[in-house]
Amino acid sequence: MAENNSREMARIAIEALRDKKGEDIRVIDISKVSVIADYFIIVSGNNPNPVSYTHLTLPTNSRV
């Protein structure tokens, strides 16, 4: 169940990043090497405004 919850949270985060015009989104499964996270998400962007506030909006949008 926890794996499904983590996967759903990652999916929601990716969706939010796409909404904020995130580009080249990569998801790395780190569940086998980390006890604090299952996925590491990397994103880039060209516009400094959406990129600078993406980290502020993701925790609110990522709740499952």
PDB file of N, CA and C in Angstrom:
ATOM      1  N   MET A   1       0.811  -1.194   0.000  1.00  0.00           N
ATOM      2  CA  MET A   1       0.000   0.000   0.000  1.00  0.00           C
ATOM      3  C   MET A   1       0.861   1.268   0.000  1.00  0.00           C
ATOM      4  N   ALA A   2       1.942   1.250   0.773  1.00  0.00           N
ATOM      5  CA  ALA A   2       2.813   2.423   0.826  1.00  0.00           C
ATOM      6  C   ALA A   2       3.425   2.707  -0.538  1.00  0.00           C
ATOM      7  N   GLU A   3       3.751   1.651  -1.292  1.00  0.00           N
ATOM      8  CA  GLU A   3       4.323   1.843  -2.625  1.00  0.00           C
ATOM      9  C   GLU A   3       3.330   2.538  -3.548  1.00  0.00           C
ATOM     10  N   ASN A   4       2.061   2.131  -3.474  1.00  0.00           N
ATOM     11  CA  ASN A   4       1.036   2.779  -4.289  1.00  0.00           C
ATOM     12  C   ASN A   4       0.852   4.230  -3.890  1.00  0.00           C
ATOM     13  N   ASN A   5       0.924   4.519  -2.580  1.00  0.00           N
ATOM     14  CA  ASN A   5       0.798   5.887  -2.100  1.00  0.00           C
ATOM     15  C   ASN A   5       1.962   6.745  -2.612  1.00  0.00           C
ATOM     16  N   SER A   6       3.171   6.208  -2.556  1.00  0.00           N
ATOM     17  CA  SER A   6       4.344   6.939  -3.057  1.00  0.00           C
ATOM     18  C   SER A   6       4.235   7.179  -4.554  1.00  0.00           C
ATOM     19  N   ARG A   7       3.794   6.176  -5.266  1.00  0.00           N
ATOM     20  CA  ARG A   7       3.649   6.305  -6.720  1.00  0.00           C
ATOM     21  C   ARG A   7       2.600   7.369  -7.058  1.00  0.00           C
ATOM     22  N   GLU A   8       1.491   7.373  -6.317  1.00  0.00           N
ATOM     23  CA  GLU A   8       0.438   8.362  -6.552  1.00  0.00           C
ATOM     24  C   GLU A   8       0.934   9.771  -6.224  1.00  0.00           C
ATOM     25  N   MET A   9       1.694   9.906  -5.147  1.00  0.00           N
ATOM     26  CA  MET A   9       2.255  11.213  -4.800  1.00  0.00           C
ATOM     27  C   MET A   9       3.211  11.699  -5.888  1.00  0.00           C
ATOM     28  N   ALA A  10       4.032  10.794  -6.427  1.00  0.00           N
ATOM     29  CA  ALA A  10       4.947  11.159  -7.506  1.00  0.00           C
ATOM     30  C   ALA A  10       4.160  11.582  -8.742  1.00  0.00           C
ATOM     31  N   ARG A  11       3.082  10.870  -9.053  1.00  0.00           N
ATOM     32  CA  ARG A  11       2.251  11.212 -10.207  1.00  0.00           C
ATOM     33  C   ARG A  11       1.645  12.608 -10.038  1.00  0.00           C
ATOM     34  N   ILE A  12       1.158  12.904  -8.842  1.00  0.00           N
ATOM     35  CA  ILE A  12       0.572  14.221  -8.577  1.00  0.00           C
ATOM     36  C   ILE A  12       1.636  15.313  -8.680  1.00  0.00           C
ATOM     37  N   ALA A  13       2.830  15.037  -8.162  1.00  0.00           N
ATOM     38  CA  ALA A  13       3.919  16.012  -8.247  1.00  0.00           C
ATOM     39  C   ALA A  13       4.302  16.282  -9.696  1.00  0.00           C
ATOM     40  N   ILE A  14       4.356  15.234 -10.506  1.00  0.00           N
ATOM     41  CA  ILE A  14       4.699  15.396 -11.919  1.00  0.00           C
ATOM     42  C   ILE A  14       3.630  16.222 -12.632  1.00  0.00           C
ATOM     43  N   GLU A  15       2.392  15.938 -12.326  1.00  0.00           N
ATOM     44  CA  GLU A  15       1.293  16.702 -12.918  1.00  0.00           C
ATOM     45  C   GLU A  15       1.391  18.183 -12.545  1.00  0.00           C
ATOM     46  N   ALA A  16       1.693  18.457 -11.275  1.00  0.00           N
ATOM     47  CA  ALA A  16       1.842  19.848 -10.832  1.00  0.00           C
ATOM     48  C   ALA A  16       3.025  20.521 -11.518  1.00  0.00           C
ATOM     49  N   LEU A  17       4.116  19.790 -11.688  1.00  0.00           N
ATOM     50  CA  LEU A  17       5.284  20.353 -12.365  1.00  0.00           C
ATOM     51  C   LEU A  17       4.976  20.669 -13.823  1.00  0.00           C
ATOM     52  N   ARG A  18       4.225  19.805 -14.471  1.00  0.00           N
ATOM     53  CA  ARG A  18       3.826  20.078 -15.858  1.00  0.00           C
ATOM     54  C   ARG A  18       2.929  21.315 -15.922  1.00  0.00           C
ATOM     55  N   ASP A  19       2.030  21.466 -14.948  1.00  0.00           N
ATOM     56  CA  ASP A  19       1.164  22.643 -14.901  1.00  0.00           C
ATOM     57  C   ASP A  19       1.969  23.924 -14.731  1.00  0.00           C
ATOM     58  N   LYS A  20       3.098  23.823 -14.043  1.00  0.00           N
ATOM     59  CA  LYS A  20       3.971  24.983 -13.820  1.00  0.00           C
ATOM     60  C   LYS A  20       4.998  25.141 -14.934  1.00  0.00           C
ATOM     61  N   LYS A  21       4.774  24.431 -16.040  1.00  0.00           N
ATOM     62  CA  LYS A  21       5.634  24.510 -17.228  1.00  0.00           C
ATOM     63  C   LYS A  21       7.004  23.903 -17.001  1.00  0.00           C
ATOM     64  N   GLY A  22       7.078  22.903 -16.135  1.00  0.00           N
ATOM     65  CA  GLY A  22       8.325  22.172 -15.943  1.00  0.00           C
ATOM     66  C   GLY A  22       8.678  21.404 -17.206  1.00  0.00           C
ATOM     67  N   GLU A  23       9.950  21.305 -17.481  1.00  0.00           N
ATOM     68  CA  GLU A  23      10.426  20.638 -18.687  1.00  0.00           C
ATOM     69  C   GLU A  23      11.407  19.534 -18.324  1.00  0.00           C
ATOM     70  N   ASP A  24      11.526  18.576 -19.217  1.00  0.00           N
ATOM     71  CA  ASP A  24      12.507  17.490 -19.074  1.00  0.00           C
ATOM     72  C   ASP A  24      12.398  16.831 -17.695  1.00  0.00           C
ATOM     73  N   ILE A  25      11.192  16.449 -17.298  1.00  0.00           N
ATOM     74  CA  ILE A  25      10.943  15.856 -15.986  1.00  0.00           C
ATOM     75  C   ILE A  25      11.470  14.427 -15.973  1.00  0.00           C
ATOM     76  N   ARG A  26      12.269  14.123 -14.971  1.00  0.00           N
ATOM     77  CA  ARG A  26      12.825  12.785 -14.787  1.00  0.00           C
ATOM     78  C   ARG A  26      12.469  12.291 -13.388  1.00  0.00           C
ATOM     79  N   VAL A  27      12.072  11.031 -13.307  1.00  0.00           N
ATOM     80  CA  VAL A  27      11.744  10.414 -12.027  1.00  0.00           C
ATOM     81  C   VAL A  27      12.693   9.240 -11.823  1.00  0.00           C
ATOM     82  N   ILE A  28      13.378   9.246 -10.691  1.00  0.00           N
ATOM     83  CA  ILE A  28      14.326   8.181 -10.367  1.00  0.00           C
ATOM     84  C   ILE A  28      13.802   7.435  -9.148  1.00  0.00           C
ATOM     85  N   ASP A  29      13.665   6.123  -9.274  1.00  0.00           N
ATOM     86  CA  ASP A  29      13.238   5.289  -8.154  1.00  0.00           C
ATOM     87  C   ASP A  29      14.439   5.058  -7.248  1.00  0.00           C
ATOM     88  N   ILE A  30      14.379   5.625  -6.038  1.00  0.00           N
ATOM     89  CA  ILE A  30      15.481   5.476  -5.084  1.00  0.00           C
ATOM     90  C   ILE A  30      15.050   4.663  -3.866  1.00  0.00           C
ATOM     91  N   SER A  31      13.943   3.959  -3.979  1.00  0.00           N
ATOM     92  CA  SER A  31      13.399   3.224  -2.835  1.00  0.00           C
ATOM     93  C   SER A  31      14.345   2.138  -2.316  1.00  0.00           C
ATOM     94  N   LYS A  32      15.184   1.600  -3.183  1.00  0.00           N
ATOM     95  CA  LYS A  32      16.111   0.539  -2.768  1.00  0.00           C
ATOM     96  C   LYS A  32      17.349   1.075  -2.042  1.00  0.00           C
ATOM     97  N   VAL A  33      17.604   2.388  -2.163  1.00  0.00           N
ATOM     98  CA  VAL A  33      18.810   2.956  -1.567  1.00  0.00           C
ATOM     99  C   VAL A  33      18.528   4.050  -0.538  1.00  0.00           C
ATOM    100  N   SER A  34      17.254   4.367  -0.309  1.00  0.00           N
ATOM    101  CA  SER A  34      16.903   5.435   0.624  1.00  0.00           C
ATOM    102  C   SER A  34      15.773   4.986   1.548  1.00  0.00           C
ATOM    103  N   VAL A  35      15.873   5.394   2.793  1.00  0.00           N
ATOM    104  CA  VAL A  35      14.797   5.097   3.739  1.00  0.00           C
ATOM    105  C   VAL A  35      13.866   6.294   3.926  1.00  0.00           C
ATOM    106  N   ILE A  36      14.211   7.439   3.329  1.00  0.00           N
ATOM    107  CA  ILE A  36      13.384   8.635   3.515  1.00  0.00           C
ATOM    108  C   ILE A  36      12.576   9.020   2.281  1.00  0.00           C
ATOM    109  N   ALA A  37      12.844   8.402   1.145  1.00  0.00           N
ATOM    110  CA  ALA A  37      12.104   8.740  -0.076  1.00  0.00           C
ATOM    111  C   ALA A  37      12.072   7.542  -1.017  1.00  0.00           C
ATOM    112  N   ASP A  38      11.037   7.481  -1.837  1.00  0.00           N
ATOM    113  CA  ASP A  38      10.933   6.427  -2.844  1.00  0.00           C
ATOM    114  C   ASP A  38      11.308   6.927  -4.234  1.00  0.00           C
ATOM    115  N   TYR A  39      11.050   8.204  -4.491  1.00  0.00           N
ATOM    116  CA  TYR A  39      11.321   8.770  -5.811  1.00  0.00           C
ATOM    117  C   TYR A  39      12.041  10.095  -5.672  1.00  0.00           C
ATOM    118  N   PHE A  40      12.929  10.351  -6.614  1.00  0.00           N
ATOM    119  CA  PHE A  40      13.625  11.628  -6.720  1.00  0.00           C
ATOM    120  C   PHE A  40      13.212  12.224  -8.055  1.00  0.00           C
ATOM    121  N   ILE A  41      12.635  13.415  -8.028  1.00  0.00           N
ATOM    122  CA  ILE A  41      12.119  14.033  -9.243  1.00  0.00           C
ATOM    123  C   ILE A  41      13.000  15.227  -9.599  1.00  0.00           C
ATOM    124  N   ILE A  42      13.455  15.245 -10.835  1.00  0.00           N
ATOM    125  CA  ILE A  42      14.298  16.324 -11.349  1.00  0.00           C
ATOM    126  C   ILE A  42      13.532  17.018 -12.463  1.00  0.00           C
ATOM    127  N   VAL A  43      13.527  18.337 -12.442  1.00  0.00           N
ATOM    128  CA  VAL A  43      12.804  19.102 -13.456  1.00  0.00           C
ATOM    129  C   VAL A  43      13.604  20.349 -13.806  1.00  0.00           C
ATOM    130  N   SER A  44      13.479  20.776 -15.033  1.00  0.00           N
ATOM    131  CA  SER A  44      14.117  22.031 -15.441  1.00  0.00           C
ATOM    132  C   SER A  44      13.040  22.960 -15.988  1.00  0.00           C
ATOM    133  N   GLY A  45      13.418  24.209 -16.133  1.00  0.00           N
ATOM    134  CA  GLY A  45      12.484  25.192 -16.664  1.00  0.00           C
ATOM    135  C   GLY A  45      13.226  26.390 -17.202  1.00  0.00           C
ATOM    136  N   ASN A  46      12.572  27.119 -18.097  1.00  0.00           N
ATOM    137  CA  ASN A  46      13.194  28.283 -18.722  1.00  0.00           C
ATOM    138  C   ASN A  46      12.766  29.603 -18.116  1.00  0.00           C
ATOM    139  N   ASN A  47      11.580  29.667 -17.565  1.00  0.00           N
ATOM    140  CA  ASN A  47      11.067  30.909 -17.008  1.00  0.00           C
ATOM    141  C   ASN A  47      11.376  30.961 -15.513  1.00  0.00           C
ATOM    142  N   PRO A  48      12.128  31.963 -15.047  1.00  0.00           N
ATOM    143  CA  PRO A  48      12.524  31.990 -13.634  1.00  0.00           C
ATOM    144  C   PRO A  48      11.349  32.121 -12.657  1.00  0.00           C
ATOM    145  N   ASN A  49      10.257  32.761 -13.046  1.00  0.00           N
ATOM    146  CA  ASN A  49       9.148  32.930 -12.114  1.00  0.00           C
ATOM    147  C   ASN A  49       8.483  31.613 -11.736  1.00  0.00           C
ATOM    148  N   PRO A  50       7.983  30.804 -12.684  1.00  0.00           N
ATOM    149  CA  PRO A  50       7.387  29.527 -12.280  1.00  0.00           C
ATOM    150  C   PRO A  50       8.378  28.588 -11.607  1.00  0.00           C
ATOM    151  N   VAL A  51       9.634  28.608 -12.065  1.00  0.00           N
ATOM    152  CA  VAL A  51      10.630  27.720 -11.478  1.00  0.00           C
ATOM    153  C   VAL A  51      10.878  28.108 -10.023  1.00  0.00           C
ATOM    154  N   SER A  52      10.921  29.392  -9.716  1.00  0.00           N
ATOM    155  CA  SER A  52      11.246  29.826  -8.361  1.00  0.00           C
ATOM    156  C   SER A  52      10.136  29.527  -7.364  1.00  0.00           C
ATOM    157  N   TYR A  53       8.887  29.441  -7.800  1.00  0.00           N
ATOM    158  CA  TYR A  53       7.835  29.146  -6.823  1.00  0.00           C
ATOM    159  C   TYR A  53       7.292  27.735  -6.922  1.00  0.00           C
ATOM    160  N   THR A  54       7.829  26.901  -7.790  1.00  0.00           N
ATOM    161  CA  THR A  54       7.387  25.512  -7.881  1.00  0.00           C
ATOM    162  C   THR A  54       7.624  24.781  -6.565  1.00  0.00           C
ATOM    163  N   HIS A  55       8.763  25.003  -5.935  1.00  0.00           N
ATOM    164  CA  HIS A  55       9.047  24.307  -4.675  1.00  0.00           C
ATOM    165  C   HIS A  55       8.082  24.715  -3.574  1.00  0.00           C
ATOM    166  N   LEU A  56       7.471  25.884  -3.682  1.00  0.00           N
ATOM    167  CA  LEU A  56       6.508  26.320  -2.667  1.00  0.00           C
ATOM    168  C   LEU A  56       5.132  25.701  -2.863  1.00  0.00           C
ATOM    169  N   THR A  57       4.780  25.381  -4.099  1.00  0.00           N
ATOM    170  CA  THR A  57       3.438  24.884  -4.358  1.00  0.00           C
ATOM    171  C   THR A  57       3.347  23.365  -4.348  1.00  0.00           C
ATOM    172  N   LEU A  58       4.433  22.673  -4.573  1.00  0.00           N
ATOM    173  CA  LEU A  58       4.364  21.213  -4.651  1.00  0.00           C
ATOM    174  C   LEU A  58       3.913  20.532  -3.363  1.00  0.00           C
ATOM    175  N   PRO A  59       4.416  20.898  -2.192  1.00  0.00           N
ATOM    176  CA  PRO A  59       3.955  20.187  -1.008  1.00  0.00           C
ATOM    177  C   PRO A  59       2.444  20.271  -0.800  1.00  0.00           C
ATOM    178  N   THR A  60       1.843  21.391  -1.065  1.00  0.00           N
ATOM    179  CA  THR A  60       0.404  21.536  -0.920  1.00  0.00           C
ATOM    180  C   THR A  60      -0.324  20.710  -1.962  1.00  0.00           C
ATOM    181  N   ASN A  61       0.149  20.733  -3.198  1.00  0.00           N
ATOM    182  CA  ASN A  61      -0.512  20.003  -4.276  1.00  0.00           C
ATOM    183  C   ASN A  61      -0.241  18.504  -4.215  1.00  0.00           C
ATOM    184  N   SER A  62       0.737  18.061  -3.467  1.00  0.00           N
ATOM    185  CA  SER A  62       1.136  16.649  -3.496  1.00  0.00           C
ATOM    186  C   SER A  62       0.422  15.775  -2.483  1.00  0.00           C
ATOM    187  N   ARG A  63      -0.352  16.356  -1.635  1.00  0.00           N
ATOM    188  CA  ARG A  63      -1.039  15.540  -0.619  1.00  0.00           C
ATOM    189  C   ARG A  63      -2.006  14.576  -1.260  1.00  0.00           C
ATOM    190  N   VAL A  64      -1.985  13.361  -0.756  1.00  0.00           N
ATOM    191  CA  VAL A  64      -2.874  12.322  -1.264  1.00  0.00           C
ATOM    192  C   VAL A  64      -3.971  12.057  -0.256  1.00  0.00           C
TER     193      VAL A  64
END
